Protein backbone atom coordinates (compact mmCIF):
# COMPACT_ATOMS: atom_id res chain seq x y z
CA MET A 1 28.63 -23.72 -51.82
CA ILE A 2 31.84 -25.29 -50.57
CA THR A 3 35.07 -24.21 -52.21
CA PHE A 4 38.17 -26.35 -51.90
CA LYS A 5 41.88 -25.45 -51.91
CA GLN A 6 44.56 -27.92 -53.02
CA SER A 7 47.87 -28.04 -51.21
CA LYS A 8 51.24 -28.83 -52.72
CA ASN A 9 50.89 -32.33 -51.26
CA ASN A 10 47.58 -32.84 -53.14
CA ASN A 11 45.53 -32.46 -49.97
CA TRP A 12 42.17 -30.78 -50.39
CA THR A 13 40.73 -28.50 -47.76
CA ASP A 14 37.60 -26.40 -47.49
CA VAL A 15 38.58 -22.75 -48.00
CA ALA A 16 36.34 -21.77 -45.06
CA LEU A 17 38.47 -23.95 -42.76
CA VAL A 18 41.65 -22.28 -44.10
CA GLU A 19 40.14 -18.86 -43.35
CA LYS A 20 39.12 -19.95 -39.84
CA TYR A 21 42.61 -21.39 -39.23
CA ILE A 22 44.13 -18.04 -40.20
CA LEU A 23 41.80 -16.15 -37.84
CA MET A 24 42.04 -18.61 -34.98
CA ASN A 25 45.83 -18.52 -35.02
CA ASP A 26 46.14 -14.73 -35.41
CA PHE A 27 47.89 -14.89 -38.77
CA GLU A 28 48.50 -11.60 -40.56
CA TYR A 29 47.98 -11.11 -44.30
CA LYS A 30 51.26 -10.45 -46.14
CA GLY A 31 50.32 -10.91 -49.82
CA PRO A 32 48.33 -13.13 -52.15
CA ASP A 33 48.04 -16.54 -50.45
CA LEU A 34 50.76 -15.56 -47.88
CA TYR A 35 50.27 -15.08 -44.17
CA GLU A 36 52.58 -14.49 -41.22
CA CYS A 37 52.07 -16.38 -37.96
CA PRO A 38 52.66 -14.68 -34.58
CA GLY A 39 56.08 -16.42 -34.53
CA GLY A 40 57.17 -14.50 -37.64
CA HIS A 41 57.07 -17.39 -40.13
CA ILE A 42 55.54 -16.90 -43.55
CA TRP A 43 52.93 -19.48 -44.53
CA HIS A 44 51.40 -20.18 -47.92
CA VAL A 45 47.76 -21.25 -47.88
CA SER A 46 48.82 -24.64 -49.20
CA GLN A 47 50.84 -25.18 -46.03
CA ILE A 48 47.80 -24.30 -43.95
CA ALA A 49 45.79 -26.79 -45.97
CA ASP A 50 48.39 -29.46 -45.12
CA GLU A 51 48.16 -28.55 -41.42
CA ILE A 52 44.41 -28.91 -41.54
CA ASP A 53 44.71 -32.26 -43.32
CA ASN A 54 46.88 -33.52 -40.46
CA MET A 55 44.39 -32.48 -37.73
CA THR A 56 42.32 -34.94 -35.79
CA ILE A 57 38.56 -35.03 -36.21
CA ASP A 58 38.17 -33.26 -32.85
CA GLN A 59 40.54 -30.48 -33.91
CA ILE A 60 38.68 -30.04 -37.21
CA ASN A 61 35.33 -29.88 -35.38
CA GLU A 62 36.74 -27.21 -33.05
CA LEU A 63 38.12 -25.27 -36.01
CA SER A 64 34.83 -25.51 -37.93
CA LYS A 65 32.96 -23.98 -34.95
CA TYR A 66 35.38 -21.08 -34.54
CA GLY A 67 33.65 -17.72 -34.73
CA GLU A 68 30.11 -19.09 -34.43
């Protein structure tokens, strides 16, 4: 089953891609729906969904294969 997450900009992203983005970019859990990037910025999952929405098809394919 595919679960989707909606961003603040009304973009929809597969939750599995959000989780892979967090792992691939070494984000650290800080609280419900909040993660810290290695640069020290706090990200909400909706911001990550927006980043994924702005990726190219090749970037999304690479992300989808992360960890396999």
